[in-house]
Amino acid sequence: MTITPQEFESIVGNLGAEELAQLGAVFTARAAERRRALTIEEAQTAFDSAPLTHWWQESRLRENGQVRIATRILIERGWHPEQIVDSMTAVAERVCVHPLVAAEAVACGIADGMVIREGMDNA
């Protein structure tokens, strides 16, 4: 839902200074939470709990699949790529066979998640 500045003003225009300050504080807190970066501990937990598909279980590079799936799940759950890329890459670099492979596994997971989140998985 998109709201224009004029529509927003018509909703809050009659509020007092204290009420506007409270609304501002709520919006500021929500924005900070939505911009919060994923911690390395949270990224490690996501990696550890990523459910592998049959094909990734059979792969000699299971860790790449775990990174990709964990990253995809985070994106599906509403995380923005900028919030997770650094911590997921740090975890991936610990477990993947090469740093470039780690970065690619994260990038692929982001792409997978964005496709699913945007509803293009059946396209």
Protein backbone atom coordinates (compact mmCIF):
# COMPACT_ATOMS: atom_id res chain seq x y z
CA MET A 1 0.00 0.00 0.00
CA THR A 2 1.31 3.40 -0.95
CA ILE A 3 0.14 6.55 0.74
CA THR A 4 0.77 10.03 -0.61
CA PRO A 5 2.06 12.84 1.61
CA GLN A 6 -1.29 14.58 1.23
CA GLU A 7 -3.19 11.49 2.43
CA PHE A 8 -0.82 11.09 5.36
CA GLU A 9 -1.27 14.73 6.32
CA SER A 10 -5.05 14.35 6.22
CA ILE A 11 -4.75 11.45 8.69
CA VAL A 12 -2.34 13.07 11.16
CA GLY A 13 -3.11 16.73 10.53
CA ASN A 14 -5.28 17.11 13.64
CA LEU A 15 -2.88 15.42 16.04
CA GLY A 16 -1.06 17.40 18.69
CA ALA A 17 2.68 17.77 19.07
CA GLU A 18 2.96 15.01 21.69
CA GLU A 19 0.99 12.54 19.56
CA LEU A 20 3.08 13.36 16.51
CA ALA A 21 6.25 12.87 18.55
CA GLN A 22 5.02 9.45 19.69
CA LEU A 23 4.22 8.45 16.11
CA GLY A 24 7.63 9.67 15.02
CA ALA A 25 9.31 7.57 17.70
CA VAL A 26 7.37 4.48 16.65
CA PHE A 27 8.24 4.98 12.99
CA THR A 28 11.90 5.62 13.83
CA ALA A 29 12.08 2.43 15.90
CA ARG A 30 10.46 0.38 13.12
CA ALA A 31 12.83 1.81 10.53
CA ALA A 32 15.85 1.00 12.71
CA GLU A 33 14.68 -2.59 13.15
CA ARG A 34 14.13 -2.97 9.42
CA ARG A 35 17.63 -1.64 8.70
CA ARG A 36 19.31 -3.80 11.36
CA ALA A 37 22.07 -5.95 9.95
CA LEU A 38 22.05 -9.69 10.53
CA THR A 39 24.71 -10.68 13.06
CA ILE A 40 27.28 -13.35 12.31
CA GLU A 41 25.74 -15.47 15.06
CA GLU A 42 22.33 -15.20 13.41
CA ALA A 43 23.89 -16.03 10.05
CA GLN A 44 25.59 -19.08 11.55
CA THR A 45 22.27 -20.22 13.05
CA ALA A 46 20.59 -19.79 9.66
CA PHE A 47 23.36 -21.84 8.03
CA ASP A 48 23.19 -24.56 10.69
CA SER A 49 19.42 -24.91 10.36
CA ALA A 50 19.17 -24.76 6.55
CA PRO A 51 17.32 -27.85 5.30
CA LEU A 52 19.26 -29.46 2.47
CA THR A 53 17.46 -30.83 -0.56
CA HIS A 54 18.20 -34.39 -1.63
CA TRP A 55 20.57 -33.22 -4.35
CA TRP A 56 22.54 -31.00 -2.00
CA GLN A 57 22.77 -33.88 0.49
CA GLU A 58 24.36 -36.00 -2.24
CA SER A 59 26.72 -33.22 -3.31
CA ARG A 60 30.39 -33.11 -2.36
CA LEU A 61 29.86 -29.38 -1.75
CA ARG A 62 27.01 -29.55 0.76
CA GLU A 63 28.16 -26.40 2.52
CA ASN A 64 27.60 -24.35 -0.62
CA GLY A 65 24.03 -25.60 -0.70
CA GLN A 66 23.51 -24.82 2.97
CA VAL A 67 24.74 -21.25 2.44
CA ARG A 68 22.54 -20.80 -0.62
CA ILE A 69 19.44 -22.24 1.07
CA ALA A 70 19.97 -20.30 4.33
CA THR A 71 20.41 -17.07 2.39
CA ARG A 72 17.30 -17.79 0.30
CA ILE A 73 15.22 -18.41 3.43
CA LEU A 74 16.36 -15.14 5.02
CA ILE A 75 15.37 -13.20 1.90
CA GLU A 76 12.02 -15.00 1.77
CA ARG A 77 11.41 -13.96 5.39
CA GLY A 78 11.78 -10.31 4.45
CA TRP A 79 15.44 -9.50 5.08
CA HIS A 80 16.94 -7.08 2.57
CA PRO A 81 20.08 -8.31 0.80
CA GLU A 82 22.10 -5.40 2.21
CA GLN A 83 21.16 -6.51 5.73
CA ILE A 84 22.49 -10.05 5.34
CA VAL A 85 25.22 -10.07 2.70
CA ASP A 86 28.17 -9.29 4.99
CA SER A 87 27.36 -11.75 7.76
CA MET A 88 26.29 -14.56 5.41
CA THR A 89 29.47 -14.07 3.38
CA ALA A 90 31.55 -14.24 6.57
CA VAL A 91 29.94 -17.55 7.46
CA ALA A 92 30.22 -18.81 3.89
CA GLU A 93 33.92 -18.00 3.75
CA ARG A 94 34.46 -20.25 6.79
CA VAL A 95 32.72 -23.27 5.27
CA CYS A 96 32.98 -23.07 1.49
CA VAL A 97 35.91 -24.39 -0.52
CA HIS A 98 37.04 -20.95 -1.74
CA PRO A 99 36.15 -17.30 -0.96
CA LEU A 100 34.85 -16.75 -4.50
CA VAL A 101 32.61 -19.79 -4.19
CA ALA A 102 31.37 -18.42 -0.85
CA ALA A 103 30.43 -15.08 -2.41
CA GLU A 104 28.67 -16.82 -5.29
CA ALA A 105 26.70 -19.09 -2.94
CA VAL A 106 25.42 -16.02 -1.08
CA ALA A 107 24.63 -14.22 -4.34
CA CYS A 108 22.72 -17.23 -5.67
CA GLY A 109 20.78 -17.51 -2.42
CA ILE A 110 19.84 -13.85 -2.64
CA ALA A 111 18.70 -14.31 -6.24
CA ASP A 112 16.70 -17.44 -5.32
CA GLY A 113 15.02 -15.64 -2.44
CA MET A 114 14.18 -12.55 -4.46
CA VAL A 115 12.60 -14.64 -7.22
CA ILE A 116 10.43 -16.47 -4.69
CA ARG A 117 9.61 -13.35 -2.66
CA GLU A 118 8.64 -11.40 -5.76
CA GLY A 119 6.37 -14.22 -6.88
CA MET A 120 8.23 -15.21 -9.98
CA ASP A 121 8.92 -18.82 -8.95
CA ASN A 122 6.14 -20.07 -11.25
CA ALA A 123 7.05 -17.85 -14.20
